[in-house]
Amino acid sequence: MNDDLLNILANSNKDIDNQQLMDYLSGKLSGKERHEVELKMADSEFMNDAMEGLQDFGNKKDVQDYVDQLNGQLKKSLEKKKLRREKRRLKEHPSTYLAILLILLLCLVAFLAVRMYLR
């Protein structure tokens, strides 16, 4: 199977091999292997629901197209969040430095004013 399709399952249950799941979907497993996968899926309600959803696709090419679309949208979303975070970080630093500079200047003016008043 395509590596991109396997990437979608990269953080899935480590008890079930991703390639084995994809072979299960495409019907490439023997009866015994298929039964083993079904037993493992029975332990994970999330995995069972995901497999049922993937099986609803009539054409396996549709699954690949859908996975490519999801991966593309995920990458775009993560990139936008990363750019927003970097922009925010750049905006925070100048204002922080300006605030510190103003506080130091106010302290210096206050010190000089008190010193002149005491003379």
C-alpha atoms as a PDB file:
ATOM      1  CA  MET A   1       0.000   0.000   0.000  1.00  0.00           C
ATOM      2  CA  ASN A   2       0.989   3.628  -0.372  1.00  0.00           C
ATOM      3  CA  ASP A   3       3.088   5.109   2.465  1.00  0.00           C
ATOM      4  CA  ASP A   4       0.782   8.142   2.687  1.00  0.00           C
ATOM      5  CA  LEU A   5      -2.126   5.890   3.537  1.00  0.00           C
ATOM      6  CA  LEU A   6      -0.071   4.236   6.246  1.00  0.00           C
ATOM      7  CA  ASN A   7       0.827   7.652   7.725  1.00  0.00           C
ATOM      8  CA  ILE A   8      -2.771   8.174   8.789  1.00  0.00           C
ATOM      9  CA  LEU A   9      -2.425   5.221  11.143  1.00  0.00           C
ATOM     10  CA  ALA A  10       1.031   6.145  12.456  1.00  0.00           C
ATOM     11  CA  ASN A  11      -0.196   6.957  15.968  1.00  0.00           C
ATOM     12  CA  SER A  12      -2.726   4.167  16.153  1.00  0.00           C
ATOM     13  CA  ASN A  13      -2.735   1.165  18.419  1.00  0.00           C
ATOM     14  CA  LYS A  14       0.749  -0.352  18.351  1.00  0.00           C
ATOM     15  CA  ASP A  15      -0.631  -3.881  18.871  1.00  0.00           C
ATOM     16  CA  ILE A  16      -1.923  -3.910  15.293  1.00  0.00           C
ATOM     17  CA  ASP A  17       0.501  -3.450  12.412  1.00  0.00           C
ATOM     18  CA  ASN A  18      -0.554  -0.658  10.032  1.00  0.00           C
ATOM     19  CA  GLN A  19       0.296  -2.727   6.967  1.00  0.00           C
ATOM     20  CA  GLN A  20      -1.794  -5.544   8.358  1.00  0.00           C
ATOM     21  CA  LEU A  21      -4.767  -3.186   8.732  1.00  0.00           C
ATOM     22  CA  MET A  22      -4.416  -1.980   5.159  1.00  0.00           C
ATOM     23  CA  ASP A  23      -4.159  -5.578   3.926  1.00  0.00           C
ATOM     24  CA  TYR A  24      -7.300  -6.345   5.927  1.00  0.00           C
ATOM     25  CA  LEU A  25      -9.130  -3.528   4.168  1.00  0.00           C
ATOM     26  CA  SER A  26      -8.035  -4.650   0.735  1.00  0.00           C
ATOM     27  CA  GLY A  27      -8.839  -8.309   1.452  1.00  0.00           C
ATOM     28  CA  LYS A  28      -5.274  -9.596   1.093  1.00  0.00           C
ATOM     29  CA  LEU A  29      -5.155 -11.475   4.415  1.00  0.00           C
ATOM     30  CA  SER A  30      -5.736 -15.176   4.886  1.00  0.00           C
ATOM     31  CA  GLY A  31      -8.638 -16.355   7.012  1.00  0.00           C
ATOM     32  CA  LYS A  32      -6.464 -16.878  10.084  1.00  0.00           C
ATOM     33  CA  GLU A  33      -4.755 -13.482   9.785  1.00  0.00           C
ATOM     34  CA  ARG A  34      -8.104 -11.805   9.186  1.00  0.00           C
ATOM     35  CA  HIS A  35      -9.497 -13.418  12.339  1.00  0.00           C
ATOM     36  CA  GLU A  36      -6.476 -12.207  14.371  1.00  0.00           C
ATOM     37  CA  VAL A  37      -7.012  -8.633  13.183  1.00  0.00           C
ATOM     38  CA  GLU A  38     -10.711  -8.826  14.031  1.00  0.00           C
ATOM     39  CA  LEU A  39      -9.884 -10.039  17.547  1.00  0.00           C
ATOM     40  CA  LYS A  40      -7.485  -7.142  18.044  1.00  0.00           C
ATOM     41  CA  MET A  41     -10.081  -4.704  16.692  1.00  0.00           C
ATOM     42  CA  ALA A  42     -12.655  -6.054  19.137  1.00  0.00           C
ATOM     43  CA  ASP A  43     -10.453  -4.800  21.979  1.00  0.00           C
ATOM     44  CA  SER A  44     -10.411  -1.253  20.588  1.00  0.00           C
ATOM     45  CA  GLU A  45     -13.785   0.410  20.035  1.00  0.00           C
ATOM     46  CA  PHE A  46     -12.144   3.340  18.244  1.00  0.00           C
ATOM     47  CA  MET A  47     -10.252   1.071  15.871  1.00  0.00           C
ATOM     48  CA  ASN A  48     -13.407  -0.909  15.163  1.00  0.00           C
ATOM     49  CA  ASP A  49     -15.355   2.255  14.290  1.00  0.00           C
ATOM     50  CA  ALA A  50     -12.521   3.500  12.092  1.00  0.00           C
ATOM     51  CA  MET A  51     -12.356   0.225  10.188  1.00  0.00           C
ATOM     52  CA  GLU A  52     -16.117   0.221   9.652  1.00  0.00           C
ATOM     53  CA  GLY A  53     -15.915   3.737   8.277  1.00  0.00           C
ATOM     54  CA  LEU A  54     -13.074   2.833   5.929  1.00  0.00           C
ATOM     55  CA  GLN A  55     -14.945  -0.229   4.712  1.00  0.00           C
ATOM     56  CA  ASP A  56     -17.898   1.947   3.685  1.00  0.00           C
ATOM     57  CA  PHE A  57     -15.816   3.324   0.823  1.00  0.00           C
ATOM     58  CA  GLY A  58     -16.879   1.391  -2.245  1.00  0.00           C
ATOM     59  CA  ASN A  59     -13.795   2.187  -4.292  1.00  0.00           C
ATOM     60  CA  LYS A  60     -10.402   1.854  -2.615  1.00  0.00           C
ATOM     61  CA  LYS A  61      -9.099   4.653  -4.869  1.00  0.00           C
ATOM     62  CA  ASP A  62     -11.585   6.939  -3.080  1.00  0.00           C
ATOM     63  CA  VAL A  63      -9.883   6.064   0.208  1.00  0.00           C
ATOM     64  CA  GLN A  64      -6.499   7.103  -1.192  1.00  0.00           C
ATOM     65  CA  ASP A  65      -7.909  10.380  -2.547  1.00  0.00           C
ATOM     66  CA  TYR A  66      -9.607  11.103   0.757  1.00  0.00           C
ATOM     67  CA  VAL A  67      -6.427  10.364   2.724  1.00  0.00           C
ATOM     68  CA  ASP A  68      -4.413  12.642   0.434  1.00  0.00           C
ATOM     69  CA  GLN A  69      -6.967  15.405   0.907  1.00  0.00           C
ATOM     70  CA  LEU A  70      -6.974  15.004   4.704  1.00  0.00           C
ATOM     71  CA  ASN A  71      -3.175  14.990   4.879  1.00  0.00           C
ATOM     72  CA  GLY A  72      -3.011  18.125   2.717  1.00  0.00           C
ATOM     73  CA  GLN A  73      -5.558  19.951   4.871  1.00  0.00           C
ATOM     74  CA  LEU A  74      -3.778  18.872   8.036  1.00  0.00           C
ATOM     75  CA  LYS A  75      -0.436  20.151   6.742  1.00  0.00           C
ATOM     76  CA  LYS A  76      -1.997  23.497   5.754  1.00  0.00           C
ATOM     77  CA  SER A  77      -3.664  23.853   9.138  1.00  0.00           C
ATOM     78  CA  LEU A  78      -0.487  23.049  11.030  1.00  0.00           C
ATOM     79  CA  GLU A  79       1.502  25.468   8.880  1.00  0.00           C
ATOM     80  CA  LYS A  80      -1.019  28.263   9.536  1.00  0.00           C
ATOM     81  CA  LYS A  81      -0.852  27.639  13.281  1.00  0.00           C
ATOM     82  CA  LYS A  82       2.933  27.639  13.173  1.00  0.00           C
ATOM     83  CA  LEU A  83       3.036  30.935  11.249  1.00  0.00           C
ATOM     84  CA  ARG A  84       0.505  32.527  13.610  1.00  0.00           C
ATOM     85  CA  ARG A  85       2.543  31.419  16.605  1.00  0.00           C
ATOM     86  CA  GLU A  86       5.741  32.844  15.112  1.00  0.00           C
ATOM     87  CA  LYS A  87       4.063  36.156  14.259  1.00  0.00           C
ATOM     88  CA  ARG A  88       2.683  36.433  17.766  1.00  0.00           C
ATOM     89  CA  ARG A  89       6.101  35.697  19.202  1.00  0.00           C
ATOM     90  CA  LEU A  90       7.696  38.473  17.119  1.00  0.00           C
ATOM     91  CA  LYS A  91       5.041  40.973  18.166  1.00  0.00           C
ATOM     92  CA  GLU A  92       5.428  40.215  21.865  1.00  0.00           C
ATOM     93  CA  HIS A  93       9.142  40.925  22.065  1.00  0.00           C
ATOM     94  CA  PRO A  94       9.223  44.562  20.888  1.00  0.00           C
ATOM     95  CA  SER A  95       6.409  45.583  23.212  1.00  0.00           C
ATOM     96  CA  THR A  96       8.087  43.839  26.115  1.00  0.00           C
ATOM     97  CA  TYR A  97      11.352  45.609  25.441  1.00  0.00           C
ATOM     98  CA  LEU A  98       9.560  48.939  25.079  1.00  0.00           C
ATOM     99  CA  ALA A  99       7.745  48.427  28.380  1.00  0.00           C
ATOM    100  CA  ILE A 100      10.984  47.594  30.175  1.00  0.00           C
ATOM    101  CA  LEU A 101      12.671  50.656  28.679  1.00  0.00           C
ATOM    102  CA  LEU A 102       9.799  52.924  29.751  1.00  0.00           C
ATOM    103  CA  ILE A 103       9.845  51.535  33.289  1.00  0.00           C
ATOM    104  CA  LEU A 104      13.592  52.105  33.540  1.00  0.00           C
ATOM    105  CA  LEU A 105      13.218  55.666  32.238  1.00  0.00           C
ATOM    106  CA  LEU A 106      10.429  56.374  34.723  1.00  0.00           C
ATOM    107  CA  CYS A 107      12.568  54.994  37.548  1.00  0.00           C
ATOM    108  CA  LEU A 108      15.473  57.190  36.448  1.00  0.00           C
ATOM    109  CA  VAL A 109      13.261  60.310  36.256  1.00  0.00           C
ATOM    110  CA  ALA A 110      11.742  59.511  39.661  1.00  0.00           C
ATOM    111  CA  PHE A 111      15.219  59.023  41.151  1.00  0.00           C
ATOM    112  CA  LEU A 112      16.459  62.335  39.724  1.00  0.00           C
ATOM    113  CA  ALA A 113      13.312  64.165  40.873  1.00  0.00           C
ATOM    114  CA  VAL A 114      13.627  62.826  44.430  1.00  0.00           C
ATOM    115  CA  ARG A 115      17.315  63.698  44.497  1.00  0.00           C
ATOM    116  CA  MET A 116      16.662  67.267  43.313  1.00  0.00           C
ATOM    117  CA  TYR A 117      13.814  67.669  45.814  1.00  0.00           C
ATOM    118  CA  LEU A 118      16.018  66.576  48.734  1.00  0.00           C
ATOM    119  CA  ARG A 119      18.753  69.149  47.888  1.00  0.00           C
END
